[in-house]
Amino acid sequence: MLRPMSKLMSQELARELVALKVEDDTQERYDYLAAGRREGSLTPDEEAELQDLVQVNSMLSMLKAEARLLLANAA
């Protein structure tokens, strides 16, 4: 699904993607929501927020994998 996008990715963008790290406050929020899910205490809005974070992380992971591949092939 994301491969066509990576074909247009510059090496500079690929390096930026690979170096991208989640902000501390976002990680703390994810940890809080994940703990709430384990405890069964999330509200429906919190559950939706957690799902959004998981989806964004999954897409970013795929983009990073494509970026790493592009950089490896360029070397």
PDB file of N, CA and C in Angstrom:
ATOM      1  N   MET A   1       0.822  -1.196   0.000  1.00  0.00           N
ATOM      2  CA  MET A   1       0.000   0.000   0.000  1.00  0.00           C
ATOM      3  C   MET A   1       0.866   1.259   0.000  1.00  0.00           C
ATOM      4  N   LEU A   2       1.937   1.281   0.788  1.00  0.00           N
ATOM      5  CA  LEU A   2       2.763   2.478   0.893  1.00  0.00           C
ATOM      6  C   LEU A   2       3.954   2.460  -0.055  1.00  0.00           C
ATOM      7  N   ARG A   3       4.197   1.341  -0.713  1.00  0.00           N
ATOM      8  CA  ARG A   3       5.357   1.246  -1.592  1.00  0.00           C
ATOM      9  C   ARG A   3       5.358   2.316  -2.678  1.00  0.00           C
ATOM     10  N   PRO A   4       4.229   2.614  -3.333  1.00  0.00           N
ATOM     11  CA  PRO A   4       4.278   3.688  -4.342  1.00  0.00           C
ATOM     12  C   PRO A   4       4.757   5.016  -3.760  1.00  0.00           C
ATOM     13  N   MET A   5       4.395   5.294  -2.507  1.00  0.00           N
ATOM     14  CA  MET A   5       4.831   6.539  -1.880  1.00  0.00           C
ATOM     15  C   MET A   5       6.347   6.513  -1.668  1.00  0.00           C
ATOM     16  N   SER A   6       6.874   5.356  -1.266  1.00  0.00           N
ATOM     17  CA  SER A   6       8.311   5.290  -0.998  1.00  0.00           C
ATOM     18  C   SER A   6       9.131   5.412  -2.273  1.00  0.00           C
ATOM     19  N   LYS A   7       8.550   5.064  -3.422  1.00  0.00           N
ATOM     20  CA  LYS A   7       9.272   5.210  -4.686  1.00  0.00           C
ATOM     21  C   LYS A   7       9.548   6.682  -4.990  1.00  0.00           C
ATOM     22  N   LEU A   8       8.741   7.566  -4.453  1.00  0.00           N
ATOM     23  CA  LEU A   8       8.913   8.996  -4.670  1.00  0.00           C
ATOM     24  C   LEU A   8       9.696   9.663  -3.538  1.00  0.00           C
ATOM     25  N   MET A   9      10.076   8.878  -2.534  1.00  0.00           N
ATOM     26  CA  MET A   9      10.735   9.406  -1.347  1.00  0.00           C
ATOM     27  C   MET A   9      12.195   9.731  -1.652  1.00  0.00           C
ATOM     28  N   SER A  10      12.614  10.898  -1.240  1.00  0.00           N
ATOM     29  CA  SER A  10      14.021  11.263  -1.396  1.00  0.00           C
ATOM     30  C   SER A  10      14.836  10.599  -0.289  1.00  0.00           C
ATOM     31  N   GLN A  11      16.132  10.516  -0.498  1.00  0.00           N
ATOM     32  CA  GLN A  11      16.991   9.956   0.546  1.00  0.00           C
ATOM     33  C   GLN A  11      16.978  10.834   1.793  1.00  0.00           C
ATOM     34  N   GLU A  12      16.876  12.117   1.586  1.00  0.00           N
ATOM     35  CA  GLU A  12      16.813  13.036   2.741  1.00  0.00           C
ATOM     36  C   GLU A  12      15.566  12.765   3.574  1.00  0.00           C
ATOM     37  N   LEU A  13      14.417  12.629   2.915  1.00  0.00           N
ATOM     38  CA  LEU A  13      13.185  12.331   3.632  1.00  0.00           C
ATOM     39  C   LEU A  13      13.280  10.972   4.304  1.00  0.00           C
ATOM     40  N   ALA A  14      13.868  10.004   3.626  1.00  0.00           N
ATOM     41  CA  ALA A  14      14.032   8.674   4.211  1.00  0.00           C
ATOM     42  C   ALA A  14      14.859   8.752   5.492  1.00  0.00           C
ATOM     43  N   ARG A  15      15.941   9.501   5.461  1.00  0.00           N
ATOM     44  CA  ARG A  15      16.768   9.653   6.676  1.00  0.00           C
ATOM     45  C   ARG A  15      15.989  10.325   7.793  1.00  0.00           C
ATOM     46  N   GLU A  16      15.196  11.340   7.450  1.00  0.00           N
ATOM     47  CA  GLU A  16      14.380  12.025   8.458  1.00  0.00           C
ATOM     48  C   GLU A  16      13.348  11.071   9.072  1.00  0.00           C
ATOM     49  N   LEU A  17      12.716  10.268   8.236  1.00  0.00           N
ATOM     50  CA  LEU A  17      11.730   9.302   8.737  1.00  0.00           C
ATOM     51  C   LEU A  17      12.365   8.293   9.677  1.00  0.00           C
ATOM     52  N   VAL A  18      13.512   7.765   9.289  1.00  0.00           N
ATOM     53  CA  VAL A  18      14.191   6.769  10.115  1.00  0.00           C
ATOM     54  C   VAL A  18      14.565   7.367  11.474  1.00  0.00           C
ATOM     55  N   ALA A  19      14.945   8.629  11.486  1.00  0.00           N
ATOM     56  CA  ALA A  19      15.363   9.285  12.726  1.00  0.00           C
ATOM     57  C   ALA A  19      14.194   9.762  13.586  1.00  0.00           C
ATOM     58  N   LEU A  20      13.001   9.742  13.033  1.00  0.00           N
ATOM     59  CA  LEU A  20      11.830  10.265  13.742  1.00  0.00           C
ATOM     60  C   LEU A  20      11.549   9.475  15.017  1.00  0.00           C
ATOM     61  N   LYS A  21      11.369  10.181  16.104  1.00  0.00           N
ATOM     62  CA  LYS A  21      11.055   9.577  17.406  1.00  0.00           C
ATOM     63  C   LYS A  21       9.763  10.187  17.937  1.00  0.00           C
ATOM     64  N   VAL A  22       9.025   9.397  18.669  1.00  0.00           N
ATOM     65  CA  VAL A  22       7.784   9.874  19.258  1.00  0.00           C
ATOM     66  C   VAL A  22       8.118  10.862  20.387  1.00  0.00           C
ATOM     67  N   GLU A  23       7.294  11.886  20.526  1.00  0.00           N
ATOM     68  CA  GLU A  23       7.502  12.870  21.591  1.00  0.00           C
ATOM     69  C   GLU A  23       7.168  12.230  22.935  1.00  0.00           C
ATOM     70  N   ASP A  24       7.842  12.705  23.977  1.00  0.00           N
ATOM     71  CA  ASP A  24       7.658  12.135  25.309  1.00  0.00           C
ATOM     72  C   ASP A  24       6.208  12.184  25.777  1.00  0.00           C
ATOM     73  N   ASP A  25       5.521  13.311  25.536  1.00  0.00           N
ATOM     74  CA  ASP A  25       4.142  13.416  26.011  1.00  0.00           C
ATOM     75  C   ASP A  25       3.220  12.454  25.274  1.00  0.00           C
ATOM     76  N   THR A  26       3.494  12.205  24.008  1.00  0.00           N
ATOM     77  CA  THR A  26       2.687  11.240  23.246  1.00  0.00           C
ATOM     78  C   THR A  26       2.932   9.829  23.769  1.00  0.00           C
ATOM     79  N   GLN A  27       4.194   9.499  24.052  1.00  0.00           N
ATOM     80  CA  GLN A  27       4.510   8.177  24.590  1.00  0.00           C
ATOM     81  C   GLN A  27       3.867   7.976  25.962  1.00  0.00           C
ATOM     82  N   GLU A  28       3.901   9.012  26.779  1.00  0.00           N
ATOM     83  CA  GLU A  28       3.277   8.925  28.110  1.00  0.00           C
ATOM     84  C   GLU A  28       1.772   8.711  27.989  1.00  0.00           C
ATOM     85  N   ARG A  29       1.148   9.394  27.052  1.00  0.00           N
ATOM     86  CA  ARG A  29      -0.291   9.225  26.842  1.00  0.00           C
ATOM     87  C   ARG A  29      -0.597   7.810  26.370  1.00  0.00           C
ATOM     88  N   TYR A  30       0.197   7.299  25.439  1.00  0.00           N
ATOM     89  CA  TYR A  30       0.011   5.930  24.969  1.00  0.00           C
ATOM     90  C   TYR A  30       0.154   4.941  26.132  1.00  0.00           C
ATOM     91  N   ASP A  31       1.190   5.119  26.936  1.00  0.00           N
ATOM     92  CA  ASP A  31       1.410   4.221  28.082  1.00  0.00           C
ATOM     93  C   ASP A  31       0.222   4.254  29.035  1.00  0.00           C
ATOM     94  N   TYR A  32      -0.301   5.447  29.282  1.00  0.00           N
ATOM     95  CA  TYR A  32      -1.462   5.600  30.161  1.00  0.00           C
ATOM     96  C   TYR A  32      -2.673   4.864  29.582  1.00  0.00           C
ATOM     97  N   LEU A  33      -2.917   5.068  28.292  1.00  0.00           N
ATOM     98  CA  LEU A  33      -4.068   4.421  27.658  1.00  0.00           C
ATOM     99  C   LEU A  33      -3.897   2.909  27.598  1.00  0.00           C
ATOM    100  N   ALA A  34      -2.683   2.454  27.311  1.00  0.00           N
ATOM    101  CA  ALA A  34      -2.429   1.011  27.263  1.00  0.00           C
ATOM    102  C   ALA A  34      -2.652   0.384  28.636  1.00  0.00           C
ATOM    103  N   ALA A  35      -2.213   1.059  29.675  1.00  0.00           N
ATOM    104  CA  ALA A  35      -2.439   0.551  31.034  1.00  0.00           C
ATOM    105  C   ALA A  35      -3.934   0.525  31.341  1.00  0.00           C
ATOM    106  N   GLY A  36      -4.648   1.551  30.917  1.00  0.00           N
ATOM    107  CA  GLY A  36      -6.092   1.594  31.129  1.00  0.00           C
ATOM    108  C   GLY A  36      -6.800   0.459  30.410  1.00  0.00           C
ATOM    109  N   ARG A  37      -6.326   0.122  29.228  1.00  0.00           N
ATOM    110  CA  ARG A  37      -6.929  -1.001  28.493  1.00  0.00           C
ATOM    111  C   ARG A  37      -6.689  -2.311  29.246  1.00  0.00           C
ATOM    112  N   ARG A  38      -5.464  -2.498  29.730  1.00  0.00           N
ATOM    113  CA  ARG A  38      -5.163  -3.720  30.490  1.00  0.00           C
ATOM    114  C   ARG A  38      -6.036  -3.833  31.734  1.00  0.00           C
ATOM    115  N   GLU A  39      -6.305  -2.703  32.358  1.00  0.00           N
ATOM    116  CA  GLU A  39      -7.127  -2.675  33.567  1.00  0.00           C
ATOM    117  C   GLU A  39      -8.617  -2.685  33.259  1.00  0.00           C
ATOM    118  N   GLY A  40      -8.974  -2.467  32.000  1.00  0.00           N
ATOM    119  CA  GLY A  40     -10.377  -2.426  31.616  1.00  0.00           C
ATOM    120  C   GLY A  40     -11.088  -1.157  32.052  1.00  0.00           C
ATOM    121  N   SER A  41     -10.336  -0.065  32.160  1.00  0.00           N
ATOM    122  CA  SER A  41     -10.914   1.170  32.681  1.00  0.00           C
ATOM    123  C   SER A  41     -11.013   2.305  31.665  1.00  0.00           C
ATOM    124  N   LEU A  42     -10.807   2.011  30.372  1.00  0.00           N
ATOM    125  CA  LEU A  42     -10.871   3.078  29.368  1.00  0.00           C
ATOM    126  C   LEU A  42     -12.309   3.456  29.043  1.00  0.00           C
ATOM    127  N   THR A  43     -12.509   4.737  28.827  1.00  0.00           N
ATOM    128  CA  THR A  43     -13.786   5.208  28.325  1.00  0.00           C
ATOM    129  C   THR A  43     -13.825   4.926  26.825  1.00  0.00           C
ATOM    130  N   PRO A  44     -14.978   4.981  26.204  1.00  0.00           N
ATOM    131  CA  PRO A  44     -15.022   4.792  24.745  1.00  0.00           C
ATOM    132  C   PRO A  44     -14.149   5.800  23.990  1.00  0.00           C
ATOM    133  N   ASP A  45     -14.118   7.039  24.452  1.00  0.00           N
ATOM    134  CA  ASP A  45     -13.267   8.047  23.796  1.00  0.00           C
ATOM    135  C   ASP A  45     -11.785   7.705  23.946  1.00  0.00           C
ATOM    136  N   GLU A  46     -11.387   7.223  25.110  1.00  0.00           N
ATOM    137  CA  GLU A  46      -9.999   6.835  25.324  1.00  0.00           C
ATOM    138  C   GLU A  46      -9.631   5.615  24.467  1.00  0.00           C
ATOM    139  N   GLU A  47     -10.552   4.683  24.358  1.00  0.00           N
ATOM    140  CA  GLU A  47     -10.320   3.506  23.511  1.00  0.00           C
ATOM    141  C   GLU A  47     -10.112   3.935  22.053  1.00  0.00           C
ATOM    142  N   ALA A  48     -10.927   4.864  21.587  1.00  0.00           N
ATOM    143  CA  ALA A  48     -10.788   5.374  20.224  1.00  0.00           C
ATOM    144  C   ALA A  48      -9.448   6.098  20.048  1.00  0.00           C
ATOM    145  N   GLU A  49      -9.052   6.864  21.045  1.00  0.00           N
ATOM    146  CA  GLU A  49      -7.766   7.570  20.994  1.00  0.00           C
ATOM    147  C   GLU A  49      -6.614   6.564  20.924  1.00  0.00           C
ATOM    148  N   LEU A  50      -6.695   5.511  21.717  1.00  0.00           N
ATOM    149  CA  LEU A  50      -5.665   4.481  21.705  1.00  0.00           C
ATOM    150  C   LEU A  50      -5.592   3.812  20.328  1.00  0.00           C
ATOM    151  N   GLN A  51      -6.743   3.505  19.765  1.00  0.00           N
ATOM    152  CA  GLN A  51      -6.770   2.898  18.436  1.00  0.00           C
ATOM    153  C   GLN A  51      -6.143   3.821  17.393  1.00  0.00           C
ATOM    154  N   ASP A  52      -6.411   5.111  17.499  1.00  0.00           N
ATOM    155  CA  ASP A  52      -5.801   6.079  16.578  1.00  0.00           C
ATOM    156  C   ASP A  52      -4.285   6.071  16.706  1.00  0.00           C
ATOM    157  N   LEU A  53      -3.795   6.050  17.938  1.00  0.00           N
ATOM    158  CA  LEU A  53      -2.350   6.024  18.163  1.00  0.00           C
ATOM    159  C   LEU A  53      -1.730   4.752  17.597  1.00  0.00           C
ATOM    160  N   VAL A  54      -2.400   3.631  17.782  1.00  0.00           N
ATOM    161  CA  VAL A  54      -1.894   2.357  17.258  1.00  0.00           C
ATOM    162  C   VAL A  54      -1.849   2.389  15.728  1.00  0.00           C
ATOM    163  N   GLN A  55      -2.886   2.925  15.103  1.00  0.00           N
ATOM    164  CA  GLN A  55      -2.924   3.000  13.641  1.00  0.00           C
ATOM    165  C   GLN A  55      -1.831   3.906  13.098  1.00  0.00           C
ATOM    166  N   VAL A  56      -1.637   5.048  13.724  1.00  0.00           N
ATOM    167  CA  VAL A  56      -0.587   5.973  13.287  1.00  0.00           C
ATOM    168  C   VAL A  56       0.775   5.308  13.446  1.00  0.00           C
ATOM    169  N   ASN A  57       0.985   4.627  14.566  1.00  0.00           N
ATOM    170  CA  ASN A  57       2.256   3.942  14.791  1.00  0.00           C
ATOM    171  C   ASN A  57       2.490   2.861  13.745  1.00  0.00           C
ATOM    172  N   SER A  58       1.453   2.132  13.391  1.00  0.00           N
ATOM    173  CA  SER A  58       1.586   1.082  12.379  1.00  0.00           C
ATOM    174  C   SER A  58       1.971   1.669  11.019  1.00  0.00           C
ATOM    175  N   MET A  59       1.308   2.744  10.629  1.00  0.00           N
ATOM    176  CA  MET A  59       1.635   3.382   9.348  1.00  0.00           C
ATOM    177  C   MET A  59       3.047   3.949   9.361  1.00  0.00           C
ATOM    178  N   LEU A  60       3.423   4.570  10.465  1.00  0.00           N
ATOM    179  CA  LEU A  60       4.768   5.127  10.568  1.00  0.00           C
ATOM    180  C   LEU A  60       5.813   4.017  10.526  1.00  0.00           C
ATOM    181  N   SER A  61       5.529   2.896  11.152  1.00  0.00           N
ATOM    182  CA  SER A  61       6.457   1.764  11.125  1.00  0.00           C
ATOM    183  C   SER A  61       6.651   1.256   9.698  1.00  0.00           C
ATOM    184  N   MET A  62       5.576   1.187   8.937  1.00  0.00           N
ATOM    185  CA  MET A  62       5.682   0.746   7.549  1.00  0.00           C
ATOM    186  C   MET A  62       6.485   1.755   6.722  1.00  0.00           C
ATOM    187  N   LEU A  63       6.228   3.039   6.917  1.00  0.00           N
ATOM    188  CA  LEU A  63       6.986   4.060   6.195  1.00  0.00           C
ATOM    189  C   LEU A  63       8.469   4.003   6.551  1.00  0.00           C
ATOM    190  N   LYS A  64       8.766   3.800   7.829  1.00  0.00           N
ATOM    191  CA  LYS A  64      10.156   3.707   8.255  1.00  0.00           C
ATOM    192  C   LYS A  64      10.834   2.489   7.628  1.00  0.00           C
ATOM    193  N   ALA A  65      10.116   1.380   7.550  1.00  0.00           N
ATOM    194  CA  ALA A  65      10.682   0.180   6.928  1.00  0.00           C
ATOM    195  C   ALA A  65      10.994   0.449   5.454  1.00  0.00           C
ATOM    196  N   GLU A  66      10.092   1.112   4.768  1.00  0.00           N
ATOM    197  CA  GLU A  66      10.331   1.457   3.370  1.00  0.00           C
ATOM    198  C   GLU A  66      11.497   2.428   3.244  1.00  0.00           C
ATOM    199  N   ALA A  67      11.606   3.365   4.166  1.00  0.00           N
ATOM    200  CA  ALA A  67      12.707   4.322   4.143  1.00  0.00           C
ATOM    201  C   ALA A  67      14.034   3.604   4.362  1.00  0.00           C
ATOM    202  N   ARG A  68      14.075   2.666   5.298  1.00  0.00           N
ATOM    203  CA  ARG A  68      15.297   1.905   5.536  1.00  0.00           C
ATOM    204  C   ARG A  68      15.702   1.104   4.291  1.00  0.00           C
ATOM    205  N   LEU A  69      14.711   0.518   3.651  1.00  0.00           N
ATOM    206  CA  LEU A  69      14.971  -0.248   2.434  1.00  0.00           C
ATOM    207  C   LEU A  69      15.523   0.650   1.340  1.00  0.00           C
ATOM    208  N   LEU A  70      14.931   1.815   1.168  1.00  0.00           N
ATOM    209  CA  LEU A  70      15.408   2.753   0.162  1.00  0.00           C
ATOM    210  C   LEU A  70      16.857   3.135   0.442  1.00  0.00           C
ATOM    211  N   LEU A  71      17.171   3.431   1.694  1.00  0.00           N
ATOM    212  CA  LEU A  71      18.535   3.828   2.054  1.00  0.00           C
ATOM    213  C   LEU A  71      19.518   2.668   1.877  1.00  0.00           C
ATOM    214  N   ALA A  72      19.090   1.456   2.208  1.00  0.00           N
ATOM    215  CA  ALA A  72      19.959   0.288   2.046  1.00  0.00           C
ATOM    216  C   ALA A  72      20.248   0.039   0.574  1.00  0.00           C
ATOM    217  N   ASN A  73      19.253   0.205  -0.267  1.00  0.00           N
ATOM    218  CA  ASN A  73      19.437  -0.015  -1.703  1.00  0.00           C
ATOM    219  C   ASN A  73      20.285   1.080  -2.344  1.00  0.00           C
ATOM    220  N   ALA A  74      20.281   2.254  -1.738  1.00  0.00           N
ATOM    221  CA  ALA A  74      21.062   3.370  -2.278  1.00  0.00           C
ATOM    222  C   ALA A  74      22.542   3.272  -1.897  1.00  0.00           C
ATOM    223  N   ALA A  75      22.822   2.490  -0.870  1.00  0.00           N
ATOM    224  CA  ALA A  75      24.209   2.399  -0.371  1.00  0.00           C
ATOM    225  C   ALA A  75      25.072   1.531  -1.269  1.00  0.00           C
TER     226      ALA A  75
END
